[in-house]
Amino acid sequence: MSSDSEKKTAAPERRLFAKGTTIFKLGDTADAAYIVESGAINIFKTISGKRISLGTVGPRGIFGELALLDPSQRMASAVASEDSVCAVITKDSMDQMLATAPPGLLVLMRSMAQTIRSAGEELADARFRLQELERQDA
């Protein structure tokens, strides 16, 4: 049986995602974030049946982090664009860290998460409109 201090210092789980593996989908329940150790992960939304890329996360990058800050569903999908290894940060481990954080920090972090979610929605919509305009001009 492990003590509380061992739980706090335990190394995060690592997962291997083969190229093309869906890590999570838009609307999924969110319970973990991922730190890319090697490889690359494409983050995207599907709007009107079209895949709109929000970006690619490479080594030392983090994705899915909003899951650690608020109870909302996934705002985008994530797929390994090449074989990738990621460290997994669970909501439970983040909650343990936040339990010792200064008062008010979680409120600030949740506010920032909402701002990021809104910006992500606006970015996806703008990229979709741009693709539609480019298609019309072609």
Protein backbone atom coordinates (compact mmCIF):
# COMPACT_ATOMS: atom_id res chain seq x y z
CA MET A 1 0.00 0.00 0.00
CA SER A 2 1.39 3.42 -0.92
CA SER A 3 1.47 6.47 1.32
CA ASP A 4 0.12 9.89 0.38
CA SER A 5 3.64 11.20 -0.24
CA GLU A 6 4.36 8.32 -2.64
CA LYS A 7 1.17 9.09 -4.57
CA LYS A 8 2.22 12.72 -4.97
CA THR A 9 5.71 11.88 -6.22
CA ALA A 10 4.83 8.90 -8.41
CA ALA A 11 5.91 9.26 -12.03
CA PRO A 12 3.01 9.85 -14.42
CA GLU A 13 1.77 6.98 -16.55
CA ARG A 14 3.17 6.93 -20.09
CA ARG A 15 1.15 5.89 -23.11
CA LEU A 16 2.24 5.01 -26.62
CA PHE A 17 -0.06 6.14 -29.42
CA ALA A 18 0.57 4.68 -32.87
CA LYS A 19 0.24 7.01 -35.85
CA GLY A 20 -3.44 7.57 -36.60
CA THR A 21 -4.67 6.68 -33.10
CA THR A 22 -7.50 8.84 -31.80
CA ILE A 23 -6.60 9.93 -28.26
CA PHE A 24 -9.89 11.69 -27.60
CA LYS A 25 -12.80 13.15 -29.55
CA LEU A 26 -14.70 16.42 -29.39
CA GLY A 27 -17.38 16.05 -26.72
CA ASP A 28 -15.69 13.20 -24.82
CA THR A 29 -15.62 13.35 -21.03
CA ALA A 30 -12.30 14.87 -20.05
CA ASP A 31 -10.26 13.36 -17.22
CA ALA A 32 -6.60 13.79 -18.18
CA ALA A 33 -4.06 15.97 -19.96
CA TYR A 34 -1.06 14.76 -21.95
CA ILE A 35 2.54 15.90 -22.23
CA VAL A 36 4.17 14.85 -25.50
CA GLU A 37 7.53 13.20 -24.89
CA SER A 38 8.08 12.18 -28.50
CA GLY A 39 6.07 12.33 -31.70
CA ALA A 40 3.32 14.76 -32.69
CA ILE A 41 -0.38 15.13 -31.96
CA ASN A 42 -2.83 16.97 -34.24
CA ILE A 43 -5.62 18.88 -32.49
CA PHE A 44 -8.69 19.58 -34.61
CA LYS A 45 -12.43 20.18 -34.75
CA THR A 46 -14.87 18.91 -37.33
CA ILE A 47 -17.23 21.59 -38.62
CA SER A 48 -19.85 20.77 -41.24
CA GLY A 49 -18.01 17.54 -41.96
CA LYS A 50 -14.66 19.26 -42.52
CA ARG A 51 -11.60 18.72 -40.36
CA ILE A 52 -10.29 22.08 -39.13
CA SER A 53 -6.78 21.90 -37.63
CA LEU A 54 -6.19 23.94 -34.50
CA GLY A 55 -2.53 23.00 -34.37
CA THR A 56 0.05 20.30 -33.79
CA VAL A 57 1.64 19.57 -30.42
CA GLY A 58 5.20 18.27 -30.39
CA PRO A 59 7.72 17.23 -27.74
CA ARG A 60 7.42 19.06 -24.41
CA GLY A 61 4.00 20.39 -25.47
CA ILE A 62 0.81 19.74 -23.53
CA PHE A 63 -2.70 19.13 -24.79
CA GLY A 64 -6.03 18.34 -23.18
CA GLU A 65 -5.06 20.53 -20.24
CA LEU A 66 -8.44 22.21 -19.96
CA ALA A 67 -9.70 18.87 -18.60
CA LEU A 68 -7.68 19.55 -15.48
CA LEU A 69 -9.25 22.93 -14.86
CA ASP A 70 -12.96 22.63 -15.49
CA PRO A 71 -15.61 19.93 -15.84
CA SER A 72 -16.45 20.67 -19.49
CA GLN A 73 -16.26 18.11 -22.29
CA ARG A 74 -13.39 18.00 -24.78
CA MET A 75 -13.46 21.06 -27.04
CA ALA A 76 -11.56 19.35 -29.87
CA SER A 77 -10.24 15.98 -31.02
CA ALA A 78 -6.67 14.72 -30.77
CA VAL A 79 -5.03 12.20 -33.12
CA ALA A 80 -1.41 11.01 -33.20
CA SER A 81 0.04 12.30 -36.47
CA GLU A 82 3.07 10.05 -35.91
CA ASP A 83 4.01 7.39 -33.37
CA SER A 84 3.99 9.25 -30.05
CA VAL A 85 4.74 8.76 -26.37
CA CYS A 86 2.85 10.92 -23.88
CA ALA A 87 2.93 11.30 -20.10
CA VAL A 88 -0.59 11.33 -18.66
CA ILE A 89 -1.60 13.87 -16.01
CA THR A 90 -4.90 12.80 -14.44
CA LYS A 91 -7.51 15.12 -13.01
CA ASP A 92 -7.06 13.38 -9.64
CA SER A 93 -3.33 14.17 -9.56
CA MET A 94 -4.01 17.79 -10.54
CA ASP A 95 -6.68 18.07 -7.83
CA GLN A 96 -4.08 16.86 -5.29
CA MET A 97 -1.67 19.59 -6.43
CA LEU A 98 -4.38 22.27 -6.35
CA ALA A 99 -5.40 21.26 -2.82
CA THR A 100 -2.22 22.93 -1.56
CA ALA A 101 -2.39 25.93 -3.91
CA PRO A 102 -3.08 29.46 -2.66
CA PRO A 103 -6.77 30.37 -2.32
CA GLY A 104 -8.18 31.88 -5.49
CA LEU A 105 -5.75 30.15 -7.84
CA LEU A 106 -8.35 27.64 -9.05
CA VAL A 107 -10.82 30.46 -9.75
CA LEU A 108 -8.19 32.24 -11.84
CA MET A 109 -7.25 29.04 -13.67
CA ARG A 110 -10.88 28.20 -14.46
CA SER A 111 -11.42 31.71 -15.80
CA MET A 112 -8.37 31.30 -18.04
CA ALA A 113 -9.71 27.91 -19.20
CA GLN A 114 -12.98 29.53 -20.28
CA THR A 115 -11.05 32.20 -22.20
CA ILE A 116 -9.01 29.50 -23.95
CA ARG A 117 -12.16 27.52 -24.81
CA SER A 118 -13.76 30.62 -26.33
CA ALA A 119 -10.61 31.44 -28.31
CA GLY A 120 -10.46 27.84 -29.59
CA GLU A 121 -14.07 28.05 -30.79
CA GLU A 122 -13.40 31.37 -32.53
CA LEU A 123 -10.21 30.02 -34.16
CA ALA A 124 -11.98 26.93 -35.49
CA ASP A 125 -14.86 29.01 -36.85
CA ALA A 126 -12.49 31.50 -38.51
CA ARG A 127 -10.43 28.75 -40.14
CA PHE A 128 -13.61 27.07 -41.38
CA ARG A 129 -14.86 30.35 -42.92
CA LEU A 130 -11.46 30.95 -44.52
CA GLN A 131 -11.44 27.46 -46.06
CA GLU A 132 -14.96 28.06 -47.41
CA LEU A 133 -13.88 31.39 -48.98
CA GLU A 134 -10.80 29.77 -50.52
CA ARG A 135 -12.94 26.97 -51.92
CA GLN A 136 -15.35 29.51 -53.46
CA ASP A 137 -12.47 31.42 -55.08
CA ALA A 138 -10.94 28.25 -56.58
